[in-house]
Amino acid sequence: MKKLALSLTMLMGAFAANNAIAFDGDATAGKAKAATCVACHGVDGNKPLPNHPKIAGQHAEYIYKQLKEFKLGMTSGGKEGRMDPSMSAMAMPLSDQDMKDVAAYFSSINMTPGTTPEDVVELGSKLYKAGDAERGIPACAACHGPRGNGTSLSGFPKVSFQNADYIKLQLEKFRDESRNNDLNGMMRDIAKKMTDKDIEVLSKYISGLH
C-alpha cells in the first residue's frame, strides 16, 4: 500500500506539472487521419469488437500516451513502451502531431453505454468501490473515480462502459506482466492480487458503470 500511495503521489505530480501545457491536438485533422483506425475501432470509436477497446470519449492525453508507447514498443523491440503486433505496427508511421490529432478526434466523441449483468453487481461494486483490504487490493474508484471516468490530469483512463472482454484481457496482461506500461507497476501490483473470478466480475461490472 505504501508503494501504491507513493506511485499515486508521483503520478499526480508529474501530470500536474505537464498540465500547464495545453493539449494541442486538432480533432478535425484527426478525423481524416483516423481512417485506418475504423476497421477495429469503428468510425466513432465504439465498434463492439470484444477484445478491442472503445476509444471514443477516452481522455485525449491517455490515447496519445498509448499511441506513443505502442510506437516505442515496436522501435525498441518490445523492451520499452507497450508492444502489440497490430497497434504497434499501426502507430509506427504516425508523427507526434498525428497521434495528438487522432487522440483529440476520438476523445471528442461520446462512448456508448455498456451493461452490467445483475449477478456481478454485488461483488463487482464491492471490489470497485472498496477493494479488499485483507488482500491489499485498493478500491478502483480511488484512481478511476466513483463513476469510472478517470481524470485527464492524473492520467487515469476512463474505464466505465468499456468492453468487458477488453478490460479482462488487460487485467490479465497486467497480472502476468505482458503489459508493463503502468507507472511504477501500480496496475501490475494490484492485478497480481486478483483471482480469475475477481477479474471476470470486475470487468463485467465496470462495463456498465455509470
C-alpha atoms as a PDB file:
ATOM      1  CA  MET A   1       0.000   0.000   0.000  1.00  0.00           C
ATOM      2  CA  LYS A   2       2.934   2.325   0.685  1.00  0.00           C
ATOM      3  CA  LYS A   3       4.187   1.739  -2.845  1.00  0.00           C
ATOM      4  CA  LEU A   4       0.734   2.495  -4.209  1.00  0.00           C
ATOM      5  CA  ALA A   5       0.494   5.733  -2.226  1.00  0.00           C
ATOM      6  CA  LEU A   6       3.940   6.812  -3.425  1.00  0.00           C
ATOM      7  CA  SER A   7       3.051   5.941  -7.003  1.00  0.00           C
ATOM      8  CA  LEU A   8      -0.144   7.966  -6.834  1.00  0.00           C
ATOM      9  CA  THR A   9       1.722  10.958  -5.423  1.00  0.00           C
ATOM     10  CA  MET A  10       4.370  10.796  -8.139  1.00  0.00           C
ATOM     11  CA  LEU A  11       1.793  10.328 -10.869  1.00  0.00           C
ATOM     12  CA  MET A  12      -0.305  13.267  -9.753  1.00  0.00           C
ATOM     13  CA  GLY A  13       2.789  15.447  -9.524  1.00  0.00           C
ATOM     14  CA  ALA A  14       4.054  14.500 -12.964  1.00  0.00           C
ATOM     15  CA  PHE A  15       0.771  15.171 -14.697  1.00  0.00           C
ATOM     16  CA  ALA A  16       0.125  18.340 -12.738  1.00  0.00           C
ATOM     17  CA  ALA A  17       3.461  19.689 -13.927  1.00  0.00           C
ATOM     18  CA  ASN A  18       2.578  18.909 -17.514  1.00  0.00           C
ATOM     19  CA  ASN A  19      -0.922  20.347 -17.246  1.00  0.00           C
ATOM     20  CA  ALA A  20       0.395  23.837 -17.882  1.00  0.00           C
ATOM     21  CA  ILE A  21       0.892  22.791 -21.497  1.00  0.00           C
ATOM     22  CA  ALA A  22      -2.479  22.601 -23.253  1.00  0.00           C
ATOM     23  CA  PHE A  23      -3.157  19.508 -25.327  1.00  0.00           C
ATOM     24  CA  ASP A  24      -2.788  20.751 -28.882  1.00  0.00           C
ATOM     25  CA  GLY A  25      -4.448  18.013 -30.905  1.00  0.00           C
ATOM     26  CA  ASP A  26      -6.759  19.011 -33.763  1.00  0.00           C
ATOM     27  CA  ALA A  27      -9.946  16.904 -33.795  1.00  0.00           C
ATOM     28  CA  THR A  28     -10.864  17.937 -37.343  1.00  0.00           C
ATOM     29  CA  ALA A  29      -7.492  16.876 -38.692  1.00  0.00           C
ATOM     30  CA  GLY A  30      -7.659  13.769 -36.534  1.00  0.00           C
ATOM     31  CA  LYS A  31     -10.885  12.604 -38.148  1.00  0.00           C
ATOM     32  CA  ALA A  32      -9.153  12.333 -41.513  1.00  0.00           C
ATOM     33  CA  LYS A  33      -6.055  10.729 -40.021  1.00  0.00           C
ATOM     34  CA  ALA A  34      -8.179   8.147 -38.181  1.00  0.00           C
ATOM     35  CA  ALA A  35      -9.255   6.461 -41.427  1.00  0.00           C
ATOM     36  CA  THR A  36      -7.023   3.462 -40.723  1.00  0.00           C
ATOM     37  CA  CYS A  37      -8.434   3.068 -37.212  1.00  0.00           C
ATOM     38  CA  VAL A  38     -12.019   2.363 -38.239  1.00  0.00           C
ATOM     39  CA  ALA A  39     -11.567  -1.320 -39.086  1.00  0.00           C
ATOM     40  CA  CYS A  40     -11.039  -2.198 -35.431  1.00  0.00           C
ATOM     41  CA  HIS A  41     -12.463   0.788 -33.551  1.00  0.00           C
ATOM     42  CA  GLY A  42     -15.215   1.974 -35.871  1.00  0.00           C
ATOM     43  CA  VAL A  43     -15.772   5.431 -37.339  1.00  0.00           C
ATOM     44  CA  ASP A  44     -16.967   6.675 -33.981  1.00  0.00           C
ATOM     45  CA  GLY A  45     -14.517   4.708 -31.832  1.00  0.00           C
ATOM     46  CA  ASN A  46     -17.291   2.483 -30.457  1.00  0.00           C
ATOM     47  CA  LYS A  47     -17.093  -0.621 -32.629  1.00  0.00           C
ATOM     48  CA  PRO A  48     -18.173  -3.566 -30.441  1.00  0.00           C
ATOM     49  CA  LEU A  49     -15.279  -5.960 -31.007  1.00  0.00           C
ATOM     50  CA  PRO A  50     -14.931  -7.682 -27.594  1.00  0.00           C
ATOM     51  CA  ASN A  51     -11.135  -7.762 -27.354  1.00  0.00           C
ATOM     52  CA  HIS A  52     -10.721  -4.249 -28.740  1.00  0.00           C
ATOM     53  CA  PRO A  53     -11.239  -1.137 -26.639  1.00  0.00           C
ATOM     54  CA  LYS A  54     -13.796   1.556 -27.180  1.00  0.00           C
ATOM     55  CA  ILE A  55     -11.699   4.702 -27.573  1.00  0.00           C
ATOM     56  CA  ALA A  56     -14.494   7.221 -28.064  1.00  0.00           C
ATOM     57  CA  GLY A  57     -14.689   9.550 -25.092  1.00  0.00           C
ATOM     58  CA  GLN A  58     -11.350   8.425 -23.706  1.00  0.00           C
ATOM     59  CA  HIS A  59      -9.116  11.209 -22.431  1.00  0.00           C
ATOM     60  CA  ALA A  60      -7.049  12.606 -25.301  1.00  0.00           C
ATOM     61  CA  GLU A  61      -3.904  12.627 -23.180  1.00  0.00           C
ATOM     62  CA  TYR A  62      -4.336   8.936 -22.418  1.00  0.00           C
ATOM     63  CA  ILE A  63      -4.915   7.953 -26.052  1.00  0.00           C
ATOM     64  CA  TYR A  64      -1.868   9.978 -27.055  1.00  0.00           C
ATOM     65  CA  LYS A  65       0.261   8.299 -24.384  1.00  0.00           C
ATOM     66  CA  GLN A  66      -0.784   4.825 -25.515  1.00  0.00           C
ATOM     67  CA  LEU A  67      -0.056   5.586 -29.175  1.00  0.00           C
ATOM     68  CA  LYS A  68       3.407   6.857 -28.266  1.00  0.00           C
ATOM     69  CA  GLU A  69       4.080   3.750 -26.232  1.00  0.00           C
ATOM     70  CA  PHE A  70       2.800   1.407 -28.940  1.00  0.00           C
ATOM     71  CA  LYS A  71       5.291   3.016 -31.312  1.00  0.00           C
ATOM     72  CA  LEU A  72       8.051   2.778 -28.730  1.00  0.00           C
ATOM     73  CA  GLY A  73       7.219  -0.875 -28.231  1.00  0.00           C
ATOM     74  CA  MET A  74       7.947  -1.513 -31.902  1.00  0.00           C
ATOM     75  CA  THR A  75      11.069   0.636 -32.178  1.00  0.00           C
ATOM     76  CA  SER A  76      12.558  -0.878 -29.008  1.00  0.00           C
ATOM     77  CA  GLY A  77      11.744  -4.446 -29.942  1.00  0.00           C
ATOM     78  CA  GLY A  78       9.383  -4.727 -27.009  1.00  0.00           C
ATOM     79  CA  LYS A  79      11.931  -3.619 -24.418  1.00  0.00           C
ATOM     80  CA  GLU A  80      10.140  -0.348 -23.745  1.00  0.00           C
ATOM     81  CA  GLY A  81       6.655   1.083 -24.103  1.00  0.00           C
ATOM     82  CA  ARG A  82       3.721  -1.181 -24.930  1.00  0.00           C
ATOM     83  CA  MET A  83       4.113  -3.883 -27.532  1.00  0.00           C
ATOM     84  CA  ASP A  84       1.153  -5.122 -29.558  1.00  0.00           C
ATOM     85  CA  PRO A  85       1.568  -6.669 -33.017  1.00  0.00           C
ATOM     86  CA  SER A  86      -1.347  -4.753 -34.533  1.00  0.00           C
ATOM     87  CA  MET A  87      -1.319  -1.445 -32.679  1.00  0.00           C
ATOM     88  CA  SER A  88       2.443  -1.034 -32.627  1.00  0.00           C
ATOM     89  CA  ALA A  89       2.520  -1.505 -36.391  1.00  0.00           C
ATOM     90  CA  MET A  90      -0.336   0.991 -36.825  1.00  0.00           C
ATOM     91  CA  ALA A  91       1.427   3.576 -34.663  1.00  0.00           C
ATOM     92  CA  MET A  92       4.766   3.335 -36.449  1.00  0.00           C
ATOM     93  CA  PRO A  93       4.037   5.735 -39.334  1.00  0.00           C
ATOM     94  CA  LEU A  94       2.319   8.306 -37.118  1.00  0.00           C
ATOM     95  CA  SER A  95       4.102  11.546 -36.252  1.00  0.00           C
ATOM     96  CA  ASP A  96       3.743  13.056 -32.807  1.00  0.00           C
ATOM     97  CA  GLN A  97       1.192  15.542 -34.167  1.00  0.00           C
ATOM     98  CA  ASP A  98      -0.715  12.762 -35.939  1.00  0.00           C
ATOM     99  CA  MET A  99      -1.080  10.998 -32.595  1.00  0.00           C
ATOM    100  CA  LYS A 100      -2.324  14.159 -30.895  1.00  0.00           C
ATOM    101  CA  ASP A 101      -4.832  14.826 -33.655  1.00  0.00           C
ATOM    102  CA  VAL A 102      -6.209  11.271 -33.654  1.00  0.00           C
ATOM    103  CA  ALA A 103      -6.432  11.376 -29.860  1.00  0.00           C
ATOM    104  CA  ALA A 104      -8.300  14.687 -29.977  1.00  0.00           C
ATOM    105  CA  TYR A 105     -10.773  13.319 -32.519  1.00  0.00           C
ATOM    106  CA  PHE A 106     -11.734  10.159 -30.660  1.00  0.00           C
ATOM    107  CA  SER A 107     -11.880  11.915 -27.295  1.00  0.00           C
ATOM    108  CA  SER A 108     -14.428  14.353 -28.746  1.00  0.00           C
ATOM    109  CA  ILE A 109     -16.973  11.548 -29.335  1.00  0.00           C
ATOM    110  CA  ASN A 110     -19.213  10.051 -26.670  1.00  0.00           C
ATOM    111  CA  MET A 111     -18.612   6.460 -25.634  1.00  0.00           C
ATOM    112  CA  THR A 112     -21.686   4.256 -25.985  1.00  0.00           C
ATOM    113  CA  PRO A 113     -23.130   2.853 -22.733  1.00  0.00           C
ATOM    114  CA  GLY A 114     -22.434  -0.697 -21.649  1.00  0.00           C
ATOM    115  CA  THR A 115     -24.363  -3.036 -19.362  1.00  0.00           C
ATOM    116  CA  THR A 116     -23.650  -4.843 -16.102  1.00  0.00           C
ATOM    117  CA  PRO A 117     -25.133  -8.316 -15.513  1.00  0.00           C
ATOM    118  CA  GLU A 118     -27.196  -8.453 -12.311  1.00  0.00           C
ATOM    119  CA  ASP A 119     -25.230 -11.422 -10.952  1.00  0.00           C
ATOM    120  CA  VAL A 120     -21.981  -9.424 -10.670  1.00  0.00           C
ATOM    121  CA  VAL A 121     -23.348  -6.191  -9.195  1.00  0.00           C
ATOM    122  CA  GLU A 122     -22.837  -7.043  -5.507  1.00  0.00           C
ATOM    123  CA  LEU A 123     -19.267  -8.335  -5.691  1.00  0.00           C
ATOM    124  CA  GLY A 124     -18.269  -6.028  -8.530  1.00  0.00           C
ATOM    125  CA  SER A 125     -19.480  -2.981  -6.637  1.00  0.00           C
ATOM    126  CA  LYS A 126     -17.571  -4.040  -3.517  1.00  0.00           C
ATOM    127  CA  LEU A 127     -14.306  -4.544  -5.392  1.00  0.00           C
ATOM    128  CA  TYR A 128     -14.650  -1.351  -7.398  1.00  0.00           C
ATOM    129  CA  LYS A 129     -15.726   0.930  -4.558  1.00  0.00           C
ATOM    130  CA  ALA A 130     -13.921  -0.588  -1.569  1.00  0.00           C
ATOM    131  CA  GLY A 131     -11.350  -3.074  -2.815  1.00  0.00           C
ATOM    132  CA  ASP A 132     -10.267  -5.856  -0.460  1.00  0.00           C
ATOM    133  CA  ALA A 133      -8.106  -4.628   2.420  1.00  0.00           C
ATOM    134  CA  GLU A 134      -7.244  -8.134   3.618  1.00  0.00           C
ATOM    135  CA  ARG A 135      -5.614  -8.932   0.298  1.00  0.00           C
ATOM    136  CA  GLY A 136      -4.161  -5.467  -0.220  1.00  0.00           C
ATOM    137  CA  ILE A 137      -6.411  -4.652  -3.180  1.00  0.00           C
ATOM    138  CA  PRO A 138      -7.264  -0.926  -3.234  1.00  0.00           C
ATOM    139  CA  ALA A 139     -10.573   0.434  -4.486  1.00  0.00           C
ATOM    140  CA  CYS A 140     -10.617   1.028  -8.240  1.00  0.00           C
ATOM    141  CA  ALA A 141     -12.629   4.174  -7.540  1.00  0.00           C
ATOM    142  CA  ALA A 142      -9.639   5.710  -5.779  1.00  0.00           C
ATOM    143  CA  CYS A 143      -7.963   6.282  -9.146  1.00  0.00           C
ATOM    144  CA  HIS A 144     -10.697   5.894 -11.744  1.00  0.00           C
ATOM    145  CA  GLY A 145     -13.394   7.762  -9.838  1.00  0.00           C
ATOM    146  CA  PRO A 146     -16.779   6.658  -8.493  1.00  0.00           C
ATOM    147  CA  ARG A 147     -18.257   6.574 -11.997  1.00  0.00           C
ATOM    148  CA  GLY A 148     -15.185   5.231 -13.744  1.00  0.00           C
ATOM    149  CA  ASN A 149     -14.458   8.443 -15.634  1.00  0.00           C
ATOM    150  CA  GLY A 150     -10.811   8.765 -14.595  1.00  0.00           C
ATOM    151  CA  THR A 151      -9.103  12.146 -14.987  1.00  0.00           C
ATOM    152  CA  SER A 152      -7.002  13.619 -17.769  1.00  0.00           C
ATOM    153  CA  LEU A 153      -4.844  15.490 -15.239  1.00  0.00           C
ATOM    154  CA  SER A 154      -3.768  12.388 -13.353  1.00  0.00           C
ATOM    155  CA  GLY A 155      -3.565  10.178 -16.417  1.00  0.00           C
ATOM    156  CA  PHE A 156      -6.082   7.646 -15.123  1.00  0.00           C
ATOM    157  CA  PRO A 157      -8.228   6.435 -18.049  1.00  0.00           C
ATOM    158  CA  LYS A 158     -11.987   6.300 -18.338  1.00  0.00           C
ATOM    159  CA  VAL A 159     -12.977   2.688 -17.724  1.00  0.00           C
ATOM    160  CA  SER A 160     -16.769   2.865 -17.480  1.00  0.00           C
ATOM    161  CA  PHE A 161     -18.688   1.460 -20.488  1.00  0.00           C
ATOM    162  CA  GLN A 162     -15.527  -0.245 -21.745  1.00  0.00           C
ATOM    163  CA  ASN A 163     -15.863  -3.660 -23.383  1.00  0.00           C
ATOM    164  CA  ALA A 164     -15.780  -6.240 -20.576  1.00  0.00           C
ATOM    165  CA  ASP A 165     -13.632  -8.680 -22.549  1.00  0.00           C
ATOM    166  CA  TYR A 166     -11.059  -5.959 -23.183  1.00  0.00           C
ATOM    167  CA  ILE A 167     -10.901  -4.964 -19.511  1.00  0.00           C
ATOM    168  CA  LYS A 168     -10.492  -8.623 -18.562  1.00  0.00           C
ATOM    169  CA  LEU A 169      -7.699  -9.079 -21.094  1.00  0.00           C
ATOM    170  CA  GLN A 170      -5.788  -6.020 -19.863  1.00  0.00           C
ATOM    171  CA  LEU A 171      -6.052  -7.037 -16.215  1.00  0.00           C
ATOM    172  CA  GLU A 172      -4.738 -10.472 -17.131  1.00  0.00           C
ATOM    173  CA  LYS A 173      -1.871  -8.879 -19.052  1.00  0.00           C
ATOM    174  CA  PHE A 174      -1.009  -6.666 -16.102  1.00  0.00           C
ATOM    175  CA  ARG A 175      -1.116  -9.726 -13.853  1.00  0.00           C
ATOM    176  CA  ASP A 176       1.289 -11.767 -15.967  1.00  0.00           C
ATOM    177  CA  GLU A 177       3.323  -8.634 -16.821  1.00  0.00           C
ATOM    178  CA  SER A 178       2.901  -9.000 -20.561  1.00  0.00           C
ATOM    179  CA  ARG A 179       1.672  -5.410 -20.326  1.00  0.00           C
ATOM    180  CA  ASN A 180       4.005  -3.251 -18.280  1.00  0.00           C
ATOM    181  CA  ASN A 181       3.496   0.396 -19.219  1.00  0.00           C
ATOM    182  CA  ASP A 182       1.813   1.330 -15.952  1.00  0.00           C
ATOM    183  CA  LEU A 183       3.647   3.875 -13.803  1.00  0.00           C
ATOM    184  CA  ASN A 184       5.744   2.199 -11.103  1.00  0.00           C
ATOM    185  CA  GLY A 185       3.967  -1.098 -11.718  1.00  0.00           C
ATOM    186  CA  MET A 186       0.800   0.077  -9.972  1.00  0.00           C
ATOM    187  CA  MET A 187      -1.648  -1.943 -12.052  1.00  0.00           C
ATOM    188  CA  ARG A 188       0.646  -4.957 -12.088  1.00  0.00           C
ATOM    189  CA  ASP A 189       0.869  -4.963  -8.306  1.00  0.00           C
ATOM    190  CA  ILE A 190      -2.910  -4.773  -7.992  1.00  0.00           C
ATOM    191  CA  ALA A 191      -3.735  -7.335 -10.689  1.00  0.00           C
ATOM    192  CA  LYS A 192      -1.348  -9.917  -9.200  1.00  0.00           C
ATOM    193  CA  LYS A 193      -3.539  -9.997  -6.103  1.00  0.00           C
ATOM    194  CA  MET A 194      -6.696 -10.691  -8.092  1.00  0.00           C
ATOM    195  CA  THR A 195      -8.160 -14.106  -8.766  1.00  0.00           C
ATOM    196  CA  ASP A 196      -9.655 -15.098 -12.092  1.00  0.00           C
ATOM    197  CA  LYS A 197     -13.103 -14.590 -10.567  1.00  0.00           C
ATOM    198  CA  ASP A 198     -12.181 -11.103  -9.313  1.00  0.00           C
ATOM    199  CA  ILE A 199     -11.079 -10.088 -12.790  1.00  0.00           C
ATOM    200  CA  GLU A 200     -14.125 -11.534 -14.544  1.00  0.00           C
ATOM    201  CA  VAL A 201     -16.613  -9.966 -12.128  1.00  0.00           C
ATOM    202  CA  LEU A 202     -14.889  -6.599 -12.035  1.00  0.00           C
ATOM    203  CA  SER A 203     -14.633  -6.440 -15.834  1.00  0.00           C
ATOM    204  CA  LYS A 204     -18.336  -7.093 -16.264  1.00  0.00           C
ATOM    205  CA  TYR A 205     -19.241  -4.624 -13.519  1.00  0.00           C
ATOM    206  CA  ILE A 206     -17.152  -1.802 -14.976  1.00  0.00           C
ATOM    207  CA  SER A 207     -18.638  -2.286 -18.445  1.00  0.00           C
ATOM    208  CA  GLY A 208     -21.976  -0.897 -17.247  1.00  0.00           C
ATOM    209  CA  LEU A 209     -20.699   1.511 -14.608  1.00  0.00           C
ATOM    210  CA  HIS A 210     -22.261   4.946 -14.817  1.00  0.00           C
END
